[in-house]
Amino acid sequence: MTLSTTTRAALAALLLSGTIATGAAAAEAQPGPAAGTLTKVASFEHQVTGVTVSKDGRVFVNFPRWTEDSAVSVAEVKDGRITPFPDAEWNAWRNARKDDVSAGDHWICVQSVVASPDGNLWVLDPAAPGMAAVVKNGPKLVEIDLKTNRPARTIAFDEAVAPQGSYLNDVRFSPDGKTAYITDSGASGALVVVDLASGKARRLLDGDPTTQPDKTVTVTYEGRPLRRPDGRGVEFAADGIALSPDGDTLYWQAIKGRTLYSLPTSSLTGWMTSSLVPEALSDRSLSGKVETVGDNGPADGLIISRKDGRMYVTSPQDDSIKVRDLSAKGSALTTLIQDKRLRWPDTFAEGPDGTLYVTTSRIQDSAFYKPDAPAALPTDLWSIKPPASDATGSTTIPSAR
């Protein structure tokens, strides 16, 4: 079949805009990718951060309002198209309309979307456009019933949980569906623990060294410190978060940091079954229970695979994704894939078949660090088939590209 020049141009435009499925969607009729192969799933016209895949394979992404007033905050990627989710009205808040659109039932600056073990979608909205002032009544965690595609409940966070200067970043859910764990990567890093039944939340390890940027670390790219025009570097506090498959251990780290930390979740949830706040939940007591797991270097996204129990780590400084064997204490990271197309690998999701998905948010290319960069920064969603492990748990890692 011969295509006209006009038709070829139209198809090219659709591919660039993400209207036509690329990568995983287009590959359905093709042989599956080899382990460790990077496959493009979709391209976006805006800066993406979060991605998640539901139990039935639905893919959702989000676009925070960092350097632009994005028209869509949460979207479903379906049939190659990006559709505002759950509807256009929830996506109707704009910077210019902030006085006439309520913050409690609209997306303000969504940072994370995560499918919970029961199959629903949760949306974490720190409500701090530009990572600046928190919009009043805006911080929230919203559950969307994926059977009806309608919000089922909203857990609003007051200033005790999301004070000015906070930026709620990412969230994980306990296997029993009772608890959510959130990192705060803002001016004063912290962990937030949410009792999902009551909607009550507690801010813990606020200002603790384990949740703060590491002053001895400078985030670099291509061998140079990554700095804003005013000289500020990357200062993100507690960011990446992961939960062991049994729900017993929580892991986190700062982007401006190198150390992966962990705590038994039982140390974080005692207040949920007591009317009194036990001394064991004081920041001083909790800090003494934190364990150092290992050195990840500056990292953003973390996930522990349900399929193999390994931790996958995004490494923005060298365009790579790395792997940590949590079953071997003190084990070093190995590189799963290194590819220049992974420009600031950001957030992970795991599909029902074990395929990993990762967004590339291109933070180093954004107007935060490059004043001449476009406000609307094109970004991508990728998939990776993890390598298999042998009977001993060892992993065969493909050579980095």
Protein backbone atom coordinates (compact mmCIF):
# COMPACT_ATOMS: atom_id res chain seq x y z
CA MET A 1 0.00 0.00 0.00
CA THR A 2 1.35 3.43 -0.95
CA LEU A 3 0.54 6.32 1.40
CA SER A 4 0.18 9.86 0.18
CA THR A 5 2.42 12.58 1.60
CA THR A 6 -0.57 14.00 3.48
CA THR A 7 -1.46 10.64 4.99
CA ARG A 8 2.13 9.98 6.05
CA ALA A 9 2.30 13.40 7.71
CA ALA A 10 -0.97 12.82 9.54
CA LEU A 11 0.18 9.44 10.84
CA ALA A 12 3.46 10.94 12.00
CA ALA A 13 1.61 13.66 13.90
CA LEU A 14 -0.65 11.12 15.57
CA LEU A 15 2.32 9.01 16.63
CA LEU A 16 4.07 12.03 18.11
CA SER A 17 0.99 13.07 20.07
CA GLY A 18 0.45 9.57 21.47
CA THR A 19 -2.98 9.26 19.79
CA ILE A 20 -1.85 6.08 18.04
CA ALA A 21 -0.57 3.40 20.38
CA THR A 22 3.13 2.75 20.31
CA GLY A 23 5.36 0.26 22.05
CA ALA A 24 3.44 -2.34 24.07
CA ALA A 25 0.07 -1.55 22.47
CA ALA A 26 1.44 -1.71 18.94
CA ALA A 27 3.50 -4.81 19.74
CA GLU A 28 0.52 -7.01 20.59
CA ALA A 29 0.70 -8.64 17.18
CA GLN A 30 4.50 -8.95 17.34
CA PRO A 31 6.78 -11.31 19.28
CA GLY A 32 7.23 -10.25 22.90
CA PRO A 33 10.33 -8.28 23.88
CA ALA A 34 13.34 -10.02 25.35
CA ALA A 35 14.10 -9.60 29.04
CA GLY A 36 15.62 -6.21 29.78
CA THR A 37 14.41 -4.70 26.49
CA LEU A 38 13.05 -1.16 26.68
CA THR A 39 9.74 -0.77 24.81
CA LYS A 40 7.89 2.50 24.35
CA VAL A 41 4.25 2.28 25.43
CA ALA A 42 3.15 5.87 24.85
CA SER A 43 4.38 9.43 24.37
CA PHE A 44 2.84 12.48 26.00
CA GLU A 45 2.87 16.18 25.29
CA HIS A 46 3.21 17.00 28.99
CA GLN A 47 5.49 16.11 31.90
CA VAL A 48 4.38 12.79 33.37
CA THR A 49 5.35 11.35 36.76
CA GLY A 50 3.10 8.57 38.04
CA VAL A 51 1.96 5.38 36.35
CA THR A 52 0.03 2.37 37.58
CA VAL A 53 -1.54 -0.76 36.12
CA SER A 54 -4.70 -2.27 37.59
CA LYS A 55 -5.30 -5.96 38.21
CA ASP A 56 -7.16 -6.18 34.91
CA GLY A 57 -4.42 -4.40 32.96
CA ARG A 58 -5.78 -0.85 32.74
CA VAL A 59 -3.02 1.78 32.58
CA PHE A 60 -3.25 5.17 34.31
CA VAL A 61 -0.83 8.10 34.38
CA ASN A 62 -0.72 11.57 35.91
CA PHE A 63 0.69 14.96 34.97
CA PRO A 64 1.64 17.30 37.84
CA ARG A 65 1.38 21.07 37.49
CA TRP A 66 5.09 21.83 37.90
CA THR A 67 6.12 24.20 35.12
CA GLU A 68 2.79 24.35 33.28
CA ASP A 69 -0.94 24.54 33.92
CA SER A 70 -1.65 21.12 32.46
CA ALA A 71 -5.13 20.61 31.04
CA VAL A 72 -5.16 16.97 32.22
CA SER A 73 -3.96 15.80 35.63
CA VAL A 74 -5.04 12.14 35.67
CA ALA A 75 -5.62 10.07 32.56
CA GLU A 76 -6.27 6.54 31.43
CA VAL A 77 -4.17 5.28 28.53
CA LYS A 78 -6.65 3.28 26.51
CA ASP A 79 -6.57 2.18 22.88
CA GLY A 80 -3.65 4.50 22.36
CA ARG A 81 -5.60 7.52 23.61
CA ILE A 82 -5.20 9.57 26.76
CA THR A 83 -8.59 10.17 28.37
CA PRO A 84 -9.11 12.47 31.40
CA PHE A 85 -9.98 10.33 34.41
CA PRO A 86 -12.42 9.83 36.03
CA ASP A 87 -13.94 12.61 33.90
CA ALA A 88 -13.31 16.09 32.55
CA GLU A 89 -14.81 17.81 35.59
CA TRP A 90 -12.30 16.33 38.04
CA ASN A 91 -9.62 17.66 35.68
CA ALA A 92 -11.21 21.12 35.37
CA TRP A 93 -9.13 22.96 38.00
CA ARG A 94 -6.78 25.51 36.48
CA ASN A 95 -4.30 27.93 37.99
CA ALA A 96 -6.35 30.78 36.55
CA ARG A 97 -9.62 29.37 37.96
CA LYS A 98 -8.41 28.51 41.44
CA ASP A 99 -10.92 30.86 43.08
CA ASP A 100 -14.05 29.43 41.45
CA VAL A 101 -13.30 25.70 41.35
CA SER A 102 -13.33 23.81 44.64
CA ALA A 103 -10.03 22.18 45.61
CA GLY A 104 -11.47 19.23 47.51
CA ASP A 105 -13.11 17.55 44.53
CA HIS A 106 -10.78 18.51 41.69
CA TRP A 107 -7.22 17.51 40.85
CA ILE A 108 -4.84 20.33 41.80
CA CYS A 109 -1.31 18.96 41.31
CA VAL A 110 -1.40 15.17 41.21
CA GLN A 111 1.90 13.43 41.87
CA SER A 112 1.03 9.76 42.04
CA VAL A 113 -1.51 7.16 40.90
CA VAL A 114 -1.42 3.68 42.44
CA ALA A 115 -3.67 0.65 42.00
CA SER A 116 -4.40 -0.96 45.35
CA PRO A 117 -4.44 -4.73 46.02
CA ASP A 118 -8.26 -4.79 45.87
CA GLY A 119 -8.21 -3.51 42.30
CA ASN A 120 -9.23 0.12 42.76
CA LEU A 121 -7.25 3.23 41.82
CA TRP A 122 -5.91 5.71 44.35
CA VAL A 123 -4.82 9.22 43.39
CA LEU A 124 -2.42 11.21 45.61
CA ASP A 125 -2.77 14.97 45.24
CA PRO A 126 -0.27 17.07 47.25
CA ALA A 127 -2.04 20.16 45.84
CA ALA A 128 1.15 22.21 45.54
CA PRO A 129 1.49 23.50 41.96
CA GLY A 130 5.07 24.29 41.05
CA MET A 131 6.08 22.45 44.24
CA ALA A 132 5.28 25.72 45.99
CA ALA A 133 2.35 26.82 48.19
CA VAL A 134 -0.14 24.14 49.20
CA VAL A 135 -3.65 25.03 48.01
CA LYS A 136 -6.08 25.18 50.92
CA ASN A 137 -8.32 22.08 51.20
CA GLY A 138 -6.43 20.55 48.28
CA PRO A 139 -4.19 17.76 49.73
CA LYS A 140 -6.00 14.47 49.48
CA LEU A 141 -5.96 10.76 48.73
CA VAL A 142 -8.87 9.72 46.51
CA GLU A 143 -10.07 6.18 45.84
CA ILE A 144 -11.76 5.53 42.51
CA ASP A 145 -13.88 2.41 42.07
CA LEU A 146 -12.73 0.93 38.78
CA LYS A 147 -15.99 -0.98 38.37
CA THR A 148 -17.94 2.27 38.13
CA ASN A 149 -15.09 4.68 37.30
CA ARG A 150 -16.41 6.98 40.01
CA PRO A 151 -14.69 8.33 43.15
CA ALA A 152 -15.61 6.14 46.10
CA ARG A 153 -14.06 8.18 48.93
CA THR A 154 -11.77 11.08 49.58
CA ILE A 155 -9.35 11.30 52.50
CA ALA A 156 -8.52 14.97 53.00
CA PHE A 157 -5.28 15.94 54.74
CA ASP A 158 -5.19 18.92 57.07
CA GLU A 159 -2.16 21.06 57.89
CA ALA A 160 -1.03 18.61 60.57
CA VAL A 161 -0.43 16.08 57.80
CA ALA A 162 0.29 18.31 54.79
CA PRO A 163 1.62 21.64 56.11
CA GLN A 164 2.85 24.48 53.93
CA GLY A 165 6.12 23.37 52.37
CA SER A 166 5.00 19.76 52.10
CA TYR A 167 4.81 17.80 48.87
CA LEU A 168 3.19 14.39 49.32
CA ASN A 169 4.97 12.26 46.79
CA ASP A 170 4.19 8.56 46.49
CA VAL A 171 2.06 5.95 48.22
CA ARG A 172 1.95 2.20 48.89
CA PHE A 173 -0.89 0.09 50.29
CA SER A 174 -0.77 -2.81 52.73
CA PRO A 175 -1.89 -6.17 51.31
CA ASP A 176 -4.87 -6.24 53.69
CA GLY A 177 -6.08 -2.88 52.40
CA LYS A 178 -6.04 -1.24 55.83
CA THR A 179 -3.07 1.12 55.59
CA ALA A 180 -1.47 3.58 53.19
CA TYR A 181 2.14 4.75 53.51
CA ILE A 182 3.17 8.05 51.91
CA THR A 183 6.46 9.89 51.48
CA ASP A 184 6.72 13.67 51.74
CA SER A 185 9.53 15.02 49.55
CA GLY A 186 8.93 18.66 50.47
CA ALA A 187 10.89 21.18 52.51
CA SER A 188 10.70 18.97 55.60
CA GLY A 189 10.63 15.33 54.59
CA ALA A 190 8.47 12.84 56.47
CA LEU A 191 6.44 9.67 56.25
CA VAL A 192 2.65 9.76 56.47
CA VAL A 193 0.69 6.72 57.63
CA VAL A 194 -3.04 6.57 56.87
CA ASP A 195 -5.68 4.39 58.51
CA LEU A 196 -7.89 3.82 55.48
CA ALA A 197 -10.91 2.70 57.50
CA SER A 198 -11.15 5.87 59.56
CA GLY A 199 -9.34 8.26 57.23
CA LYS A 200 -7.07 9.36 60.06
CA ALA A 201 -3.43 10.02 59.27
CA ARG A 202 -0.22 10.67 61.19
CA ARG A 203 2.92 12.45 60.08
CA LEU A 204 6.00 10.58 61.32
CA LEU A 205 9.79 11.02 61.19
CA ASP A 206 9.16 14.66 60.29
CA GLY A 207 12.58 16.27 59.93
CA ASP A 208 14.41 13.07 60.83
CA PRO A 209 17.75 12.63 59.00
CA THR A 210 16.40 9.50 57.32
CA THR A 211 13.66 11.47 55.56
CA GLN A 212 15.75 14.54 54.68
CA PRO A 213 18.00 15.41 51.75
CA ASP A 214 21.58 14.32 52.37
CA LYS A 215 23.74 17.44 52.51
CA THR A 216 26.78 15.46 51.40
CA VAL A 217 25.12 14.40 48.12
CA THR A 218 24.98 16.46 44.92
CA VAL A 219 22.70 15.14 42.18
CA THR A 220 24.50 15.35 38.86
CA TYR A 221 23.75 14.67 35.22
CA GLU A 222 26.35 14.09 32.52
CA GLY A 223 29.03 14.72 35.11
CA ARG A 224 27.82 18.18 36.16
CA PRO A 225 25.79 19.27 39.20
CA LEU A 226 22.14 19.71 38.30
CA ARG A 227 21.24 23.24 39.38
CA ARG A 228 18.51 25.82 38.88
CA PRO A 229 19.40 29.28 37.55
CA ASP A 230 19.48 30.61 41.13
CA GLY A 231 22.08 28.00 42.09
CA ARG A 232 19.80 25.63 43.97
CA GLY A 233 20.42 21.97 43.32
CA VAL A 234 18.08 18.99 43.53
CA GLU A 235 16.76 19.08 47.10
CA PHE A 236 13.96 16.47 47.13
CA ALA A 237 13.55 14.72 50.48
CA ALA A 238 11.88 11.32 51.11
CA ASP A 239 10.57 10.31 47.72
CA GLY A 240 10.86 6.71 46.53
CA ILE A 241 8.85 4.23 48.61
CA ALA A 242 8.33 0.47 48.47
CA LEU A 243 6.53 -2.12 50.56
CA SER A 244 7.52 -5.75 50.91
CA PRO A 245 4.98 -8.18 49.38
CA ASP A 246 3.98 -9.41 52.86
CA GLY A 247 3.43 -5.83 54.00
CA ASP A 248 5.85 -6.17 56.93
CA THR A 249 8.64 -3.83 55.82
CA LEU A 250 8.54 -0.30 54.45
CA TYR A 251 11.45 1.10 52.41
CA TRP A 252 12.17 4.70 51.38
CA GLN A 253 14.89 7.13 50.41
CA ALA A 254 15.47 10.75 49.39
CA ILE A 255 16.37 11.63 45.81
CA LYS A 256 19.11 13.88 47.16
CA GLY A 257 20.53 10.96 49.06
CA ARG A 258 22.15 7.62 48.55
CA THR A 259 20.85 5.54 51.46
CA LEU A 260 17.90 3.15 51.34
CA TYR A 261 16.15 2.91 54.73
CA SER A 262 13.57 0.52 56.15
CA LEU A 263 11.25 0.08 59.12
CA PRO A 264 8.93 -2.73 60.23
CA THR A 265 5.43 -1.51 59.43
CA SER A 266 4.31 -2.69 62.87
CA SER A 267 6.35 0.21 64.27
CA LEU A 268 4.30 2.67 62.25
CA THR A 269 0.74 1.48 62.80
CA GLY A 270 0.34 1.06 66.58
CA TRP A 271 -1.74 4.25 66.87
CA MET A 272 -4.40 2.80 64.57
CA THR A 273 -5.59 0.37 67.25
CA SER A 274 -5.09 2.62 70.28
CA SER A 275 -6.81 5.81 71.40
CA LEU A 276 -3.47 6.93 72.83
CA VAL A 277 -0.32 7.68 70.90
CA PRO A 278 2.24 5.21 72.23
CA GLU A 279 5.71 6.42 73.06
CA ALA A 280 6.94 3.91 70.50
CA LEU A 281 5.50 6.21 67.80
CA SER A 282 7.51 9.24 68.81
CA ASP A 283 9.95 10.35 66.13
CA ARG A 284 12.86 9.72 68.49
CA SER A 285 11.76 6.14 69.15
CA LEU A 286 11.04 5.43 65.49
CA SER A 287 14.35 6.88 64.39
CA GLY A 288 16.14 4.38 66.59
CA LYS A 289 14.38 1.51 64.80
CA VAL A 290 15.22 2.60 61.25
CA GLU A 291 17.62 0.25 59.49
CA THR A 292 20.08 1.11 56.73
CA VAL A 293 19.53 -1.34 53.87
CA GLY A 294 22.21 -0.21 51.46
CA ASP A 295 23.55 2.43 49.10
CA ASN A 296 21.33 3.15 46.09
CA GLY A 297 22.90 6.44 45.09
CA PRO A 298 20.45 9.23 44.13
CA ALA A 299 17.26 7.44 43.15
CA ASP A 300 13.66 8.33 42.45
CA GLY A 301 11.24 5.42 41.96
CA LEU A 302 11.27 2.18 43.94
CA ILE A 303 9.16 -0.93 43.54
CA ILE A 304 9.34 -4.49 44.86
CA SER A 305 8.08 -6.95 42.30
CA ARG A 306 5.20 -9.19 43.30
CA LYS A 307 6.61 -11.79 40.93
CA ASP A 308 10.23 -12.07 42.05
CA GLY A 309 10.54 -10.09 45.31
CA ARG A 310 13.41 -7.99 43.99
CA MET A 311 13.59 -4.22 44.36
CA TYR A 312 13.85 -2.16 41.20
CA VAL A 313 15.41 1.31 41.49
CA THR A 314 15.44 4.21 39.04
CA SER A 315 18.79 5.97 38.70
CA PRO A 316 18.30 9.41 37.07
CA GLN A 317 22.01 10.30 37.09
CA ASP A 318 22.95 7.63 34.57
CA ASP A 319 19.70 6.90 32.69
CA SER A 320 19.34 3.46 34.21
CA ILE A 321 17.23 1.02 36.16
CA LYS A 322 18.93 -1.11 38.76
CA VAL A 323 18.03 -4.13 40.85
CA ARG A 324 18.57 -5.01 44.50
CA ASP A 325 18.24 -8.56 45.85
CA LEU A 326 16.56 -7.98 49.21
CA SER A 327 17.00 -11.62 50.21
CA ALA A 328 20.78 -11.17 50.43
CA LYS A 329 21.61 -8.67 53.15
CA GLY A 330 24.15 -6.11 51.99
CA SER A 331 23.85 -7.10 48.35
CA ALA A 332 24.95 -4.51 45.81
CA LEU A 333 22.85 -3.03 43.03
CA THR A 334 23.15 -4.50 39.56
CA THR A 335 22.15 -2.67 36.38
CA LEU A 336 19.13 -4.05 34.57
CA ILE A 337 19.16 -1.56 31.73
CA GLN A 338 20.97 1.67 30.88
CA ASP A 339 19.64 3.67 27.98
CA LYS A 340 19.84 7.36 27.04
CA ARG A 341 16.11 7.29 26.36
CA LEU A 342 15.55 6.84 30.12
CA ARG A 343 15.87 10.56 30.82
CA TRP A 344 15.08 10.76 34.51
CA PRO A 345 13.34 7.42 34.98
CA ASP A 346 10.74 8.36 37.56
CA THR A 347 7.95 6.05 38.71
CA PHE A 348 7.40 2.29 38.42
CA ALA A 349 4.33 0.13 38.06
CA GLU A 350 4.01 -3.62 37.68
CA GLY A 351 1.51 -5.22 35.33
CA PRO A 352 -0.43 -8.41 36.12
CA ASP A 353 2.08 -10.46 34.10
CA GLY A 354 5.11 -8.99 35.89
CA THR A 355 5.99 -6.49 33.16
CA LEU A 356 7.47 -3.32 34.64
CA TYR A 357 6.35 0.11 33.47
CA VAL A 358 8.36 3.27 34.08
CA THR A 359 7.82 6.92 33.23
CA THR A 360 10.59 9.26 32.14
CA SER A 361 9.79 12.71 33.53
CA ARG A 362 12.88 14.47 32.11
CA ILE A 363 13.27 16.63 35.22
CA GLN A 364 16.79 17.63 34.17
CA ASP A 365 15.33 19.04 30.92
CA SER A 366 12.49 20.95 32.58
CA ALA A 367 12.11 24.70 32.97
CA PHE A 368 13.14 24.27 36.62
CA TYR A 369 16.71 23.66 35.44
CA LYS A 370 16.66 25.02 31.88
CA PRO A 371 14.89 28.38 31.67
CA ASP A 372 14.59 28.11 27.88
CA ALA A 373 12.85 24.72 28.09
CA PRO A 374 9.21 24.51 27.01
CA ALA A 375 6.68 24.69 29.85
CA ALA A 376 4.95 21.62 28.37
CA LEU A 377 7.70 19.01 28.29
CA PRO A 378 7.16 15.92 26.11
CA THR A 379 7.71 12.68 28.05
CA ASP A 380 7.29 8.93 27.64
CA LEU A 381 6.03 5.73 29.22
CA TRP A 382 8.12 2.58 28.80
CA SER A 383 7.80 -1.08 29.59
CA ILE A 384 10.50 -3.58 30.51
CA LYS A 385 10.29 -7.32 30.86
CA PRO A 386 12.37 -8.22 33.94
CA PRO A 387 14.92 -11.04 33.62
CA ALA A 388 14.09 -14.40 35.12
CA SER A 389 15.81 -15.68 38.25
CA ASP A 390 17.09 -19.21 38.58
CA ALA A 391 16.23 -21.70 41.32
CA THR A 392 18.76 -20.13 43.67
CA GLY A 393 17.28 -16.65 43.23
CA SER A 394 20.22 -15.38 41.19
CA THR A 395 19.43 -12.98 38.38
CA THR A 396 20.82 -12.92 34.88
CA ILE A 397 21.18 -9.23 34.02
CA PRO A 398 21.45 -8.33 30.34
CA SER A 399 24.35 -6.14 29.28
CA ALA A 400 23.65 -2.42 29.57
CA ARG A 401 23.15 -0.57 26.32
